[in-house]
Protein backbone atom coordinates (compact mmCIF):
# COMPACT_ATOMS: atom_id res chain seq x y z
CA MET A 1 30.32 -8.08 -21.16
CA GLU A 2 27.45 -10.40 -21.98
CA GLN A 3 28.09 -14.16 -22.01
CA PRO A 4 27.54 -14.70 -25.78
CA GLU A 5 29.93 -11.87 -26.67
CA PHE A 6 32.51 -13.16 -24.16
CA LEU A 7 32.29 -16.70 -25.59
CA GLN A 8 32.65 -15.35 -29.11
CA LEU A 9 35.80 -13.41 -28.16
CA VAL A 10 37.28 -16.39 -26.30
CA THR A 11 36.66 -18.59 -29.33
CA GLU A 12 38.22 -16.03 -31.66
CA ILE A 13 41.31 -15.64 -29.43
CA ARG A 14 41.69 -19.41 -29.11
CA MET A 15 41.42 -19.85 -32.88
CA HIS A 16 43.98 -17.11 -33.56
CA MET A 17 46.40 -18.66 -31.06
CA MET A 18 45.97 -22.11 -32.63
CA ARG A 19 46.54 -20.71 -36.14
CA ILE A 20 49.64 -18.84 -35.00
CA MET A 21 51.08 -21.98 -33.38
CA LYS A 22 50.19 -24.10 -36.41
CA SER A 23 51.86 -21.60 -38.74
CA HIS A 24 54.94 -21.45 -36.52
CA ALA A 25 55.13 -25.26 -36.32
CA ALA A 26 54.85 -25.63 -40.10
CA SER A 27 57.49 -22.95 -40.68
CA ALA A 28 59.85 -24.57 -38.16
CA GLU A 29 59.37 -28.04 -39.64
CA GLU A 30 60.14 -26.68 -43.11
CA TYR A 31 63.24 -24.88 -41.85
CA PHE A 32 64.58 -27.90 -39.96
CA ARG A 33 63.78 -30.39 -42.74
CA ASP A 34 66.81 -29.05 -44.62
CA LYS A 35 68.91 -29.74 -41.52
CA SER A 36 67.57 -33.33 -41.23
CA ILE A 37 66.07 -32.72 -37.80
CA ASN A 38 62.65 -31.65 -36.54
CA ARG A 39 61.67 -28.86 -34.17
CA VAL A 40 61.46 -31.14 -31.11
CA GLN A 41 64.96 -32.44 -31.83
CA TYR A 42 66.10 -28.84 -32.18
CA GLY A 43 64.56 -28.09 -28.77
CA VAL A 44 66.40 -31.03 -27.20
CA MET A 45 69.66 -29.84 -28.72
CA ARG A 46 69.12 -26.25 -27.55
CA ILE A 47 68.65 -27.47 -23.98
CA LEU A 48 71.69 -29.75 -24.15
CA GLN A 49 73.74 -26.88 -25.55
CA ARG A 50 73.61 -25.27 -22.10
CA GLU A 51 74.33 -28.39 -20.04
CA SER A 52 73.94 -32.16 -19.96
CA HIS A 53 70.60 -33.63 -18.89
CA THR A 54 69.05 -37.07 -18.55
CA ILE A 55 65.94 -37.99 -20.52
CA SER A 56 63.94 -37.60 -17.30
CA GLU A 57 65.27 -34.07 -16.79
CA LEU A 58 64.60 -33.18 -20.44
CA SER A 59 61.09 -34.52 -20.02
CA LYS A 60 60.40 -32.07 -17.19
CA LEU A 61 62.01 -29.14 -19.00
CA MET A 62 60.13 -29.77 -22.24
CA VAL A 63 56.88 -30.90 -20.61
CA LEU A 64 56.96 -34.11 -22.65
CA ASP A 65 56.58 -37.71 -21.54
CA PRO A 66 59.93 -39.57 -21.34
CA SER A 67 58.54 -42.24 -23.68
CA THR A 68 58.09 -39.50 -26.30
CA LEU A 69 61.68 -38.36 -25.91
CA VAL A 70 63.36 -41.77 -26.13
CA PRO A 71 62.95 -42.20 -29.92
CA ILE A 72 63.88 -38.54 -30.45
CA VAL A 73 67.08 -38.97 -28.45
CA ASP A 74 67.79 -42.31 -30.16
CA ASP A 75 67.52 -40.64 -33.57
CA LEU A 76 69.78 -37.74 -32.56
CA GLU A 77 72.32 -40.22 -31.19
CA HIS A 78 72.12 -42.31 -34.38
CA LYS A 79 72.81 -39.14 -36.43
CA GLY A 80 75.86 -38.43 -34.26
CA LEU A 81 74.39 -35.19 -32.87
CA LEU A 82 74.31 -36.21 -29.21
CA GLU A 83 75.79 -38.89 -27.01
CA ARG A 84 74.82 -40.78 -23.89
CA ASN A 85 77.37 -40.49 -21.09
CA LYS A 86 77.97 -42.22 -17.77
CA ASP A 87 77.62 -40.35 -14.50
CA PRO A 88 80.63 -41.26 -12.31
CA GLN A 89 78.65 -40.49 -9.13
CA ASP A 90 75.49 -42.39 -10.10
CA ARG A 91 75.70 -45.26 -12.57
CA ARG A 92 71.89 -45.22 -12.98
CA ARG A 93 72.06 -41.75 -14.57
CA THR A 94 72.77 -41.41 -18.26
CA PRO A 95 73.32 -37.72 -19.02
CA LEU A 96 73.04 -36.65 -22.63
CA SER A 97 75.33 -34.12 -24.25
CA LEU A 98 75.83 -32.62 -27.69
CA THR A 99 78.63 -33.89 -29.87
CA GLU A 100 80.81 -31.47 -31.84
CA GLN A 101 78.68 -32.30 -34.88
CA GLY A 102 75.53 -31.47 -32.88
CA ALA A 103 76.98 -28.17 -31.67
CA SER A 104 77.97 -27.29 -35.23
CA LEU A 105 74.49 -28.06 -36.56
CA LEU A 106 72.94 -26.00 -33.78
CA ALA A 107 75.19 -23.05 -34.60
CA SER A 108 74.01 -23.24 -38.22
CA CYS A 109 70.41 -22.81 -37.00
CA SER A 110 70.99 -19.41 -35.40
CA ASP A 111 68.86 -17.64 -37.99
CA CYS A 112 65.78 -19.86 -37.61
CA ILE A 113 63.94 -17.37 -35.38
CA GLN A 114 64.27 -14.54 -37.89
CA GLU A 115 62.96 -16.72 -40.75
CA ASP A 116 59.68 -17.42 -38.95
CA PRO A 117 56.57 -15.65 -40.35
CA PHE A 118 55.42 -15.06 -36.76
CA PHE A 119 58.65 -13.14 -36.12
CA GLU A 120 57.95 -11.04 -39.21
CA SER A 121 54.35 -10.36 -38.17
CA LEU A 122 55.52 -9.16 -34.75
CA LYS A 123 58.16 -6.93 -36.36
CA ALA A 124 55.29 -5.18 -38.16
CA LEU A 125 53.86 -4.01 -34.80
CA ASP A 126 55.11 -0.80 -33.26
CA ASP A 127 57.02 -1.09 -29.97
CA ALA A 128 54.08 -0.03 -27.78
CA LYS A 129 51.76 -2.67 -29.27
CA LEU A 130 54.39 -5.38 -28.96
CA ILE A 131 55.02 -4.53 -25.30
CA TYR A 132 51.27 -4.38 -24.63
CA LEU A 133 50.74 -7.78 -26.28
CA ALA A 134 53.46 -9.31 -24.08
CA GLU A 135 51.89 -7.74 -20.97
CA ILE A 136 48.44 -9.12 -21.81
CA LEU A 137 49.83 -12.60 -22.48
CA ARG A 138 51.72 -12.54 -19.15
CA GLU A 139 48.50 -11.61 -17.37
CA VAL A 140 46.62 -14.44 -19.10
CA VAL A 141 49.35 -16.91 -18.12
CA LEU A 142 49.31 -15.68 -14.51
CA ASN A 143 45.60 -16.51 -14.34
CA LEU A 144 46.25 -20.12 -15.39
CA PRO A 145 46.77 -22.88 -12.82
CA ALA A 146 50.48 -22.78 -11.89
CA GLY A 147 50.73 -19.55 -13.89
CA GLN A 148 53.51 -18.11 -11.74
CA ASN A 149 55.62 -21.24 -12.30
CA ILE A 150 54.97 -21.09 -16.03
CA LEU A 151 56.07 -17.44 -16.13
CA CYS A 152 59.24 -18.24 -14.18
CA ASP A 153 60.05 -21.08 -16.59
CA VAL A 154 59.41 -18.86 -19.61
CA HIS A 155 61.52 -16.01 -18.25
CA GLY A 156 64.36 -18.41 -17.40
CA HIS A 157 64.26 -19.84 -20.91
CA ILE A 158 64.17 -16.35 -22.46
CA TYR A 159 67.11 -15.18 -20.35
CA LYS A 160 69.21 -18.18 -21.39
CA SER A 161 68.21 -17.87 -25.06
CA VAL A 162 68.95 -14.15 -25.24
CA SER A 163 72.27 -14.68 -23.44
CA GLU A 164 73.25 -17.26 -26.07
CA LEU A 165 72.16 -15.09 -28.99
CA SER A 166 74.11 -12.09 -27.71
CA LYS A 167 77.38 -14.00 -27.17
CA PRO A 168 80.11 -12.91 -29.56
CA SER A 169 80.80 -15.50 -32.27
């Protein structure tokens, strides 16, 4: 493929990906506004649903700076959705965990994935196209720096998420 054509395709792909993410972010913010949280707070709560973590651990899992997470955690704590605990083995650690109110709010968000326009647009694809799209995206990720680690993280997250969604209520 000639360089100009390649650059045009790369630009088009990048723009489509940005529009998809922007649409998803807007849809998620709208959904969570009714719940009085935002999508990052939802992400924190989803992670804490599985097990307690410190802000530092959350930072690594969410690929966010700890200074970004502090006000998010403070707000969730102020709303009574999570609590800071003491680690009996290490008094420097302050693990965070969901409160009953936080777990209840999280349970009420179980339908948020299905209400996303991106989810609907993927449902419109036939199975073969959907599988092919996932394969292409995996290949693109593998070609990124630390691509294998990214794929492992994504697959771990997917496994945990699917396990939670398939648990009987």
